[in-house]
């Protein structure tokens, strides 16, 4: 069994159009590194290396429908059978 990662449309260019991919690891950081090994370029869109390898500001990640920013961020533990959803933050409104 693996971890299912749901990919938003804007990042599907890195997954050859796949809406979901599978990965492995014990933390989100390991999972993203595993994804990078098969989908080159995706990790840089998720992780801000200049900010201590934290999630990028405008990327929301959910582990089994829980926002990982309220868990342990990129150090959040993951396990086989988990579901990770990546969503770009959306801003808008009227100025």
PDB file of N, CA and C in Angstrom:
ATOM      1  N   UNK A   1       0.843  -1.170   0.000  1.00  0.00           N
ATOM      2  CA  UNK A   1       0.000   0.000   0.000  1.00  0.00           C
ATOM      3  C   UNK A   1       0.892   1.237   0.000  1.00  0.00           C
ATOM      4  N   UNK A   2       0.429   2.322  -0.536  1.00  0.00           N
ATOM      5  CA  UNK A   2       1.207   3.554  -0.630  1.00  0.00           C
ATOM      6  C   UNK A   2       0.363   4.731  -0.152  1.00  0.00           C
ATOM      7  N   UNK A   3       0.936   5.894  -0.245  1.00  0.00           N
ATOM      8  CA  UNK A   3       0.248   7.127   0.106  1.00  0.00           C
ATOM      9  C   UNK A   3      -0.242   7.761  -1.189  1.00  0.00           C
ATOM     10  N   UNK A   4      -1.532   8.064  -1.251  1.00  0.00           N
ATOM     11  CA  UNK A   4      -2.091   8.711  -2.432  1.00  0.00           C
ATOM     12  C   UNK A   4      -1.924  10.221  -2.294  1.00  0.00           C
ATOM     13  N   UNK A   5      -1.410  10.844  -3.352  1.00  0.00           N
ATOM     14  CA  UNK A   5      -1.227  12.297  -3.366  1.00  0.00           C
ATOM     15  C   UNK A   5      -2.067  12.855  -4.505  1.00  0.00           C
ATOM     16  N   UNK A   6      -3.047  13.687  -4.159  1.00  0.00           N
ATOM     17  CA  UNK A   6      -3.893  14.333  -5.172  1.00  0.00           C
ATOM     18  C   UNK A   6      -3.213  15.610  -5.643  1.00  0.00           C
ATOM     19  N   UNK A   7      -3.090  15.724  -6.957  1.00  0.00           N
ATOM     20  CA  UNK A   7      -2.326  16.806  -7.574  1.00  0.00           C
ATOM     21  C   UNK A   7      -3.277  17.833  -8.184  1.00  0.00           C
ATOM     22  N   UNK A   8      -3.101  19.132  -7.866  1.00  0.00           N
ATOM     23  CA  UNK A   8      -3.959  20.160  -8.476  1.00  0.00           C
ATOM     24  C   UNK A   8      -3.575  20.358  -9.948  1.00  0.00           C
ATOM     25  N   UNK A   9      -4.491  20.884 -10.706  1.00  0.00           N
ATOM     26  CA  UNK A   9      -4.289  21.076 -12.140  1.00  0.00           C
ATOM     27  C   UNK A   9      -2.989  21.804 -12.452  1.00  0.00           C
ATOM     28  N   UNK A  10      -2.673  22.831 -11.702  1.00  0.00           N
ATOM     29  CA  UNK A  10      -1.496  23.641 -11.983  1.00  0.00           C
ATOM     30  C   UNK A  10      -0.183  22.860 -11.847  1.00  0.00           C
ATOM     31  N   UNK A  11      -0.174  21.776 -11.091  1.00  0.00           N
ATOM     32  CA  UNK A  11       1.040  20.978 -10.905  1.00  0.00           C
ATOM     33  C   UNK A  11       1.056  19.695 -11.736  1.00  0.00           C
ATOM     34  N   UNK A  12       0.018  19.444 -12.488  1.00  0.00           N
ATOM     35  CA  UNK A  12      -0.047  18.197 -13.259  1.00  0.00           C
ATOM     36  C   UNK A  12       0.958  18.129 -14.391  1.00  0.00           C
ATOM     37  N   UNK A  13       1.542  19.264 -14.749  1.00  0.00           N
ATOM     38  CA  UNK A  13       2.592  19.250 -15.764  1.00  0.00           C
ATOM     39  C   UNK A  13       3.789  18.416 -15.283  1.00  0.00           C
ATOM     40  N   UNK A  14       3.958  18.291 -13.974  1.00  0.00           N
ATOM     41  CA  UNK A  14       5.061  17.514 -13.408  1.00  0.00           C
ATOM     42  C   UNK A  14       4.713  16.032 -13.290  1.00  0.00           C
ATOM     43  N   UNK A  15       3.432  15.707 -13.367  1.00  0.00           N
ATOM     44  CA  UNK A  15       2.995  14.310 -13.209  1.00  0.00           C
ATOM     45  C   UNK A  15       2.424  13.743 -14.499  1.00  0.00           C
ATOM     46  N   UNK A  16       2.808  14.343 -15.617  1.00  0.00           N
ATOM     47  CA  UNK A  16       2.307  13.903 -16.929  1.00  0.00           C
ATOM     48  C   UNK A  16       0.788  13.888 -16.985  1.00  0.00           C
ATOM     49  N   UNK A  17       0.175  14.846 -16.312  1.00  0.00           N
ATOM     50  CA  UNK A  17      -1.267  15.000 -16.358  1.00  0.00           C
ATOM     51  C   UNK A  17      -2.037  14.180 -15.341  1.00  0.00           C
ATOM     52  N   UNK A  18      -1.338  13.383 -14.540  1.00  0.00           N
ATOM     53  CA  UNK A  18      -2.016  12.533 -13.553  1.00  0.00           C
ATOM     54  C   UNK A  18      -2.667  13.373 -12.456  1.00  0.00           C
ATOM     55  N   UNK A  19      -3.927  13.049 -12.139  1.00  0.00           N
ATOM     56  CA  UNK A  19      -4.655  13.747 -11.080  1.00  0.00           C
ATOM     57  C   UNK A  19      -4.218  13.283  -9.696  1.00  0.00           C
ATOM     58  N   UNK A  20      -3.681  12.076  -9.622  1.00  0.00           N
ATOM     59  CA  UNK A  20      -3.206  11.520  -8.364  1.00  0.00           C
ATOM     60  C   UNK A  20      -2.012  10.618  -8.648  1.00  0.00           C
ATOM     61  N   UNK A  21      -1.075  10.615  -7.724  1.00  0.00           N
ATOM     62  CA  UNK A  21       0.099   9.751  -7.825  1.00  0.00           C
ATOM     63  C   UNK A  21       0.294   9.076  -6.475  1.00  0.00           C
ATOM     64  N   UNK A  22       1.131   8.068  -6.457  1.00  0.00           N
ATOM     65  CA  UNK A  22       1.437   7.392  -5.203  1.00  0.00           C
ATOM     66  C   UNK A  22       2.868   7.677  -4.810  1.00  0.00           C
ATOM     67  N   UNK A  23       3.088   7.715  -3.513  1.00  0.00           N
ATOM     68  CA  UNK A  23       4.426   7.944  -3.007  1.00  0.00           C
ATOM     69  C   UNK A  23       4.613   7.222  -1.692  1.00  0.00           C
ATOM     70  N   UNK A  24       5.821   7.374  -1.136  1.00  0.00           N
ATOM     71  CA  UNK A  24       6.103   6.731   0.140  1.00  0.00           C
ATOM     72  C   UNK A  24       6.989   7.636   0.981  1.00  0.00           C
ATOM     73  N   UNK A  25       7.032   7.358   2.253  1.00  0.00           N
ATOM     74  CA  UNK A  25       7.826   8.115   3.207  1.00  0.00           C
ATOM     75  C   UNK A  25       7.166   8.051   4.571  1.00  0.00           C
ATOM     76  N   UNK A  26       7.892   8.515   5.572  1.00  0.00           N
ATOM     77  CA  UNK A  26       7.323   8.528   6.926  1.00  0.00           C
ATOM     78  C   UNK A  26       6.893   9.927   7.348  1.00  0.00           C
ATOM     79  N   UNK A  27       7.347  10.944   6.602  1.00  0.00           N
ATOM     80  CA  UNK A  27       6.936  12.332   6.841  1.00  0.00           C
ATOM     81  C   UNK A  27       6.584  12.955   5.493  1.00  0.00           C
ATOM     82  N   UNK A  28       5.945  14.118   5.531  1.00  0.00           N
ATOM     83  CA  UNK A  28       5.656  14.816   4.280  1.00  0.00           C
ATOM     84  C   UNK A  28       6.947  15.168   3.550  1.00  0.00           C
ATOM     85  N   UNK A  29       7.984  15.551   4.272  1.00  0.00           N
ATOM     86  CA  UNK A  29       9.266  15.882   3.644  1.00  0.00           C
ATOM     87  C   UNK A  29       9.793  14.687   2.854  1.00  0.00           C
ATOM     88  N   UNK A  30       9.738  13.497   3.438  1.00  0.00           N
ATOM     89  CA  UNK A  30      10.193  12.288   2.745  1.00  0.00           C
ATOM     90  C   UNK A  30       9.289  11.963   1.564  1.00  0.00           C
ATOM     91  N   UNK A  31       7.996  12.159   1.749  1.00  0.00           N
ATOM     92  CA  UNK A  31       7.045  11.910   0.666  1.00  0.00           C
ATOM     93  C   UNK A  31       7.335  12.828  -0.516  1.00  0.00           C
ATOM     94  N   UNK A  32       7.564  14.115  -0.257  1.00  0.00           N
ATOM     95  CA  UNK A  32       7.851  15.054  -1.337  1.00  0.00           C
ATOM     96  C   UNK A  32       9.171  14.713  -2.023  1.00  0.00           C
ATOM     97  N   UNK A  33      10.164  14.266  -1.266  1.00  0.00           N
ATOM     98  CA  UNK A  33      11.444  13.851  -1.864  1.00  0.00           C
ATOM     99  C   UNK A  33      11.230  12.629  -2.750  1.00  0.00           C
ATOM    100  N   UNK A  34      10.370  11.710  -2.307  1.00  0.00           N
ATOM    101  CA  UNK A  34      10.057  10.530  -3.118  1.00  0.00           C
ATOM    102  C   UNK A  34       9.342  10.938  -4.407  1.00  0.00           C
ATOM    103  N   UNK A  35       8.403  11.864  -4.299  1.00  0.00           N
ATOM    104  CA  UNK A  35       7.712  12.349  -5.499  1.00  0.00           C
ATOM    105  C   UNK A  35       8.696  13.012  -6.462  1.00  0.00           C
ATOM    106  N   UNK A  36       9.627  13.772  -5.926  1.00  0.00           N
ATOM    107  CA  UNK A  36      10.624  14.456  -6.754  1.00  0.00           C
ATOM    108  C   UNK A  36      11.466  13.459  -7.555  1.00  0.00           C
ATOM    109  N   UNK A  37      11.722  12.294  -6.971  1.00  0.00           N
ATOM    110  CA  UNK A  37      12.545  11.293  -7.667  1.00  0.00           C
ATOM    111  C   UNK A  37      11.855  10.754  -8.923  1.00  0.00           C
ATOM    112  N   UNK A  38      10.542  10.856  -8.982  1.00  0.00           N
ATOM    113  CA  UNK A  38       9.786  10.375 -10.146  1.00  0.00           C
ATOM    114  C   UNK A  38       9.119  11.479 -10.940  1.00  0.00           C
ATOM    115  N   UNK A  39       8.958  12.648 -10.323  1.00  0.00           N
ATOM    116  CA  UNK A  39       8.274  13.775 -10.961  1.00  0.00           C
ATOM    117  C   UNK A  39       9.123  15.033 -10.757  1.00  0.00           C
ATOM    118  N   UNK A  40      10.216  15.100 -11.472  1.00  0.00           N
ATOM    119  CA  UNK A  40      11.200  16.166 -11.321  1.00  0.00           C
ATOM    120  C   UNK A  40      10.567  17.557 -11.412  1.00  0.00           C
ATOM    121  N   UNK A  41      10.882  18.384 -10.424  1.00  0.00           N
ATOM    122  CA  UNK A  41      10.412  19.756 -10.397  1.00  0.00           C
ATOM    123  C   UNK A  41       9.257  20.009  -9.451  1.00  0.00           C
ATOM    124  N   UNK A  42       8.574  18.970  -9.031  1.00  0.00           N
ATOM    125  CA  UNK A  42       7.383  19.173  -8.196  1.00  0.00           C
ATOM    126  C   UNK A  42       7.747  19.648  -6.784  1.00  0.00           C
ATOM    127  N   UNK A  43       8.834  19.136  -6.242  1.00  0.00           N
ATOM    128  CA  UNK A  43       9.203  19.495  -4.875  1.00  0.00           C
ATOM    129  C   UNK A  43       9.478  20.989  -4.732  1.00  0.00           C
ATOM    130  N   UNK A  44      10.109  21.587  -5.718  1.00  0.00           N
ATOM    131  CA  UNK A  44      10.416  23.017  -5.654  1.00  0.00           C
ATOM    132  C   UNK A  44       9.150  23.863  -5.641  1.00  0.00           C
ATOM    133  N   UNK A  45       8.062  23.338  -6.161  1.00  0.00           N
ATOM    134  CA  UNK A  45       6.781  24.060  -6.158  1.00  0.00           C
ATOM    135  C   UNK A  45       6.062  23.933  -4.824  1.00  0.00           C
ATOM    136  N   UNK A  46       6.497  22.989  -3.996  1.00  0.00           N
ATOM    137  CA  UNK A  46       5.841  22.738  -2.713  1.00  0.00           C
ATOM    138  C   UNK A  46       6.647  23.234  -1.525  1.00  0.00           C
ATOM    139  N   UNK A  47       7.971  23.137  -1.631  1.00  0.00           N
ATOM    140  CA  UNK A  47       8.861  23.406  -0.506  1.00  0.00           C
ATOM    141  C   UNK A  47       9.729  24.619  -0.806  1.00  0.00           C
ATOM    142  N   UNK A  48       9.830  25.513   0.174  1.00  0.00           N
ATOM    143  CA  UNK A  48      10.647  26.712   0.059  1.00  0.00           C
ATOM    144  C   UNK A  48      11.986  26.456   0.748  1.00  0.00           C
ATOM    145  N   UNK A  49      13.002  26.099  -0.036  1.00  0.00           N
ATOM    146  CA  UNK A  49      14.315  25.802   0.534  1.00  0.00           C
ATOM    147  C   UNK A  49      14.934  27.016   1.220  1.00  0.00           C
ATOM    148  N   UNK A  50      14.663  28.204   0.705  1.00  0.00           N
ATOM    149  CA  UNK A  50      15.215  29.429   1.292  1.00  0.00           C
ATOM    150  C   UNK A  50      14.607  29.738   2.655  1.00  0.00           C
ATOM    151  N   UNK A  51      13.495  29.089   2.970  1.00  0.00           N
ATOM    152  CA  UNK A  51      12.804  29.316   4.232  1.00  0.00           C
ATOM    153  C   UNK A  51      12.901  28.079   5.129  1.00  0.00           C
ATOM    154  N   UNK A  52      14.047  27.434   5.109  1.00  0.00           N
ATOM    155  CA  UNK A  52      14.270  26.284   5.988  1.00  0.00           C
ATOM    156  C   UNK A  52      13.476  25.059   5.612  1.00  0.00           C
ATOM    157  N   UNK A  53      13.286  24.852   4.319  1.00  0.00           N
ATOM    158  CA  UNK A  53      12.547  23.684   3.826  1.00  0.00           C
ATOM    159  C   UNK A  53      11.145  23.586   4.411  1.00  0.00           C
ATOM    160  N   UNK A  54      10.465  24.711   4.466  1.00  0.00           N
ATOM    161  CA  UNK A  54       9.076  24.739   4.915  1.00  0.00           C
ATOM    162  C   UNK A  54       8.155  24.758   3.701  1.00  0.00           C
ATOM    163  N   UNK A  55       6.885  24.481   3.930  1.00  0.00           N
ATOM    164  CA  UNK A  55       5.924  24.557   2.835  1.00  0.00           C
ATOM    165  C   UNK A  55       5.875  25.979   2.301  1.00  0.00           C
ATOM    166  N   UNK A  56       5.713  26.083   0.999  1.00  0.00           N
ATOM    167  CA  UNK A  56       5.574  27.408   0.398  1.00  0.00           C
ATOM    168  C   UNK A  56       4.323  28.078   0.957  1.00  0.00           C
ATOM    169  N   UNK A  57       4.381  29.378   1.032  1.00  0.00           N
ATOM    170  CA  UNK A  57       3.309  30.157   1.655  1.00  0.00           C
ATOM    171  C   UNK A  57       1.951  29.950   0.988  1.00  0.00           C
ATOM    172  N   UNK A  58       1.928  29.833  -0.322  1.00  0.00           N
ATOM    173  CA  UNK A  58       0.656  29.755  -1.034  1.00  0.00           C
ATOM    174  C   UNK A  58       0.312  28.338  -1.483  1.00  0.00           C
ATOM    175  N   UNK A  59       0.791  27.361  -0.725  1.00  0.00           N
ATOM    176  CA  UNK A  59       0.454  25.963  -0.989  1.00  0.00           C
ATOM    177  C   UNK A  59      -0.187  25.406   0.268  1.00  0.00           C
ATOM    178  N   UNK A  60      -1.359  24.840   0.115  1.00  0.00           N
ATOM    179  CA  UNK A  60      -2.042  24.194   1.233  1.00  0.00           C
ATOM    180  C   UNK A  60      -1.948  22.693   1.047  1.00  0.00           C
ATOM    181  N   UNK A  61      -1.604  21.995   2.117  1.00  0.00           N
ATOM    182  CA  UNK A  61      -1.482  20.539   2.070  1.00  0.00           C
ATOM    183  C   UNK A  61      -2.355  19.966   3.169  1.00  0.00           C
ATOM    184  N   UNK A  62      -3.130  18.971   2.788  1.00  0.00           N
ATOM    185  CA  UNK A  62      -4.038  18.315   3.730  1.00  0.00           C
ATOM    186  C   UNK A  62      -3.704  16.844   3.826  1.00  0.00           C
ATOM    187  N   UNK A  63      -3.619  16.355   5.042  1.00  0.00           N
ATOM    188  CA  UNK A  63      -3.408  14.937   5.304  1.00  0.00           C
ATOM    189  C   UNK A  63      -4.720  14.380   5.831  1.00  0.00           C
ATOM    190  N   UNK A  64      -5.336  13.522   5.050  1.00  0.00           N
ATOM    191  CA  UNK A  64      -6.634  12.959   5.442  1.00  0.00           C
ATOM    192  C   UNK A  64      -7.602  14.071   5.853  1.00  0.00           C
ATOM    193  N   UNK A  65      -7.658  15.136   5.056  1.00  0.00           N
ATOM    194  CA  UNK A  65      -8.557  16.281   5.234  1.00  0.00           C
ATOM    195  C   UNK A  65      -8.195  17.211   6.391  1.00  0.00           C
ATOM    196  N   UNK A  66      -7.001  17.055   6.984  1.00  0.00           N
ATOM    197  CA  UNK A  66      -6.547  17.977   8.034  1.00  0.00           C
ATOM    198  C   UNK A  66      -5.409  18.820   7.495  1.00  0.00           C
ATOM    199  N   UNK A  67      -5.484  20.125   7.694  1.00  0.00           N
ATOM    200  CA  UNK A  67      -4.446  21.047   7.238  1.00  0.00           C
ATOM    201  C   UNK A  67      -3.154  20.761   8.015  1.00  0.00           C
ATOM    202  N   UNK A  68      -2.076  20.437   7.297  1.00  0.00           N
ATOM    203  CA  UNK A  68      -0.829  20.067   7.967  1.00  0.00           C
ATOM    204  C   UNK A  68      -0.179  21.239   8.688  1.00  0.00           C
ATOM    205  N   UNK A  69      -0.576  22.470   8.361  1.00  0.00           N
ATOM    206  CA  UNK A  69      -0.033  23.624   9.088  1.00  0.00           C
ATOM    207  C   UNK A  69      -0.469  23.609  10.555  1.00  0.00           C
ATOM    208  N   UNK A  70      -1.570  22.919  10.848  1.00  0.00           N
ATOM    209  CA  UNK A  70      -2.044  22.800  12.223  1.00  0.00           C
ATOM    210  C   UNK A  70      -1.576  21.495  12.861  1.00  0.00           C
ATOM    211  N   UNK A  71      -0.827  20.719  12.100  1.00  0.00           N
ATOM    212  CA  UNK A  71      -0.214  19.495  12.627  1.00  0.00           C
ATOM    213  C   UNK A  71       1.269  19.828  12.836  1.00  0.00           C
ATOM    214  N   UNK A  72       2.155  19.181  12.094  1.00  0.00           N
ATOM    215  CA  UNK A  72       3.587  19.454  12.224  1.00  0.00           C
ATOM    216  C   UNK A  72       4.208  19.944  10.925  1.00  0.00           C
ATOM    217  N   UNK A  73       3.392  20.579  10.080  1.00  0.00           N
ATOM    218  CA  UNK A  73       3.917  21.101   8.820  1.00  0.00           C
ATOM    219  C   UNK A  73       4.550  20.019   7.981  1.00  0.00           C
ATOM    220  N   UNK A  74       5.698  20.313   7.431  1.00  0.00           N
ATOM    221  CA  UNK A  74       6.378  19.376   6.543  1.00  0.00           C
ATOM    222  C   UNK A  74       6.918  18.159   7.303  1.00  0.00           C
ATOM    223  N   UNK A  75       6.984  18.255   8.621  1.00  0.00           N
ATOM    224  CA  UNK A  75       7.440  17.127   9.441  1.00  0.00           C
ATOM    225  C   UNK A  75       6.286  16.240   9.899  1.00  0.00           C
ATOM    226  N   UNK A  76       5.086  16.490   9.403  1.00  0.00           N
ATOM    227  CA  UNK A  76       3.923  15.675   9.753  1.00  0.00           C
ATOM    228  C   UNK A  76       4.151  14.236   9.324  1.00  0.00           C
ATOM    229  N   UNK A  77       3.865  13.320  10.212  1.00  0.00           N
ATOM    230  CA  UNK A  77       4.016  11.884   9.932  1.00  0.00           C
ATOM    231  C   UNK A  77       2.932  11.426   8.962  1.00  0.00           C
ATOM    232  N   UNK A  78       3.311  10.554   8.038  1.00  0.00           N
ATOM    233  CA  UNK A  78       2.382   9.939   7.096  1.00  0.00           C
ATOM    234  C   UNK A  78       2.597   8.435   7.130  1.00  0.00           C
ATOM    235  N   UNK A  79       1.582   7.704   6.670  1.00  0.00           N
ATOM    236  CA  UNK A  79       1.662   6.247   6.679  1.00  0.00           C
ATOM    237  C   UNK A  79       0.939   5.684   5.464  1.00  0.00           C
ATOM    238  N   UNK A  80       1.260   4.437   5.139  1.00  0.00           N
ATOM    239  CA  UNK A  80       0.572   3.771   4.032  1.00  0.00           C
ATOM    240  C   UNK A  80      -0.931   3.874   4.219  1.00  0.00           C
ATOM    241  N   UNK A  81      -1.619   4.170   3.138  1.00  0.00           N
ATOM    242  CA  UNK A  81      -3.068   4.296   3.180  1.00  0.00           C
ATOM    243  C   UNK A  81      -3.555   5.714   3.397  1.00  0.00           C
ATOM    244  N   UNK A  82      -2.641   6.616   3.780  1.00  0.00           N
ATOM    245  CA  UNK A  82      -3.028   8.018   3.959  1.00  0.00           C
ATOM    246  C   UNK A  82      -3.312   8.660   2.610  1.00  0.00           C
ATOM    247  N   UNK A  83      -4.027   9.762   2.661  1.00  0.00           N
ATOM    248  CA  UNK A  83      -4.335  10.544   1.475  1.00  0.00           C
ATOM    249  C   UNK A  83      -3.853  11.973   1.703  1.00  0.00           C
ATOM    250  N   UNK A  84      -3.038  12.466   0.773  1.00  0.00           N
ATOM    251  CA  UNK A  84      -2.511  13.825   0.857  1.00  0.00           C
ATOM    252  C   UNK A  84      -3.087  14.617  -0.307  1.00  0.00           C
ATOM    253  N   UNK A  85      -3.635  15.775  -0.013  1.00  0.00           N
ATOM    254  CA  UNK A  85      -4.188  16.642  -1.042  1.00  0.00           C
ATOM    255  C   UNK A  85      -3.392  17.934  -1.063  1.00  0.00           C
ATOM    256  N   UNK A  86      -2.944  18.317  -2.247  1.00  0.00           N
ATOM    257  CA  UNK A  86      -2.215  19.565  -2.429  1.00  0.00           C
ATOM    258  C   UNK A  86      -3.139  20.543  -3.132  1.00  0.00           C
ATOM    259  N   UNK A  87      -3.300  21.720  -2.538  1.00  0.00           N
ATOM    260  CA  UNK A  87      -4.155  22.751  -3.131  1.00  0.00           C
ATOM    261  C   UNK A  87      -3.407  24.073  -3.152  1.00  0.00           C
ATOM    262  N   UNK A  88      -3.400  24.733  -4.292  1.00  0.00           N
ATOM    263  CA  UNK A  88      -2.821  26.078  -4.302  1.00  0.00           C
ATOM    264  C   UNK A  88      -3.774  27.015  -3.579  1.00  0.00           C
ATOM    265  N   UNK A  89      -3.195  27.947  -2.819  1.00  0.00           N
ATOM    266  CA  UNK A  89      -4.036  28.938  -2.150  1.00  0.00           C
ATOM    267  C   UNK A  89      -4.653  29.851  -3.200  1.00  0.00           C
ATOM    268  N   UNK A  90      -5.875  30.231  -2.974  1.00  0.00           N
ATOM    269  CA  UNK A  90      -6.580  31.092  -3.910  1.00  0.00           C
ATOM    270  C   UNK A  90      -6.831  32.424  -3.224  1.00  0.00           C
ATOM    271  N   UNK A  91      -6.469  33.470  -3.903  1.00  0.00           N
ATOM    272  CA  UNK A  91      -6.723  34.820  -3.384  1.00  0.00           C
ATOM    273  C   UNK A  91      -7.602  35.545  -4.389  1.00  0.00           C
ATOM    274  N   UNK A  92      -8.284  36.501  -3.924  1.00  0.00           N
ATOM    275  CA  UNK A  92      -9.126  37.252  -4.841  1.00  0.00           C
ATOM    276  C   UNK A  92      -9.897  38.296  -4.088  1.00  0.00           C
ATOM    277  N   UNK A  93     -10.804  38.851  -4.755  1.00  0.00           N
ATOM    278  CA  UNK A  93     -11.611  39.869  -4.134  1.00  0.00           C
ATOM    279  C   UNK A  93     -11.459  41.177  -4.869  1.00  0.00           C
ATOM    280  N   UNK A  94     -11.975  42.165  -4.273  1.00  0.00           N
ATOM    281  CA  UNK A  94     -11.980  43.481  -4.869  1.00  0.00           C
ATOM    282  C   UNK A  94     -11.046  44.417  -4.125  1.00  0.00           C
ATOM    283  N   UNK A  95     -10.323  45.183  -4.853  1.00  0.00           N
ATOM    284  CA  UNK A  95      -9.392  46.119  -4.220  1.00  0.00           C
ATOM    285  C   UNK A  95     -10.065  47.437  -3.918  1.00  0.00           C
TER     286      UNK A  95
END
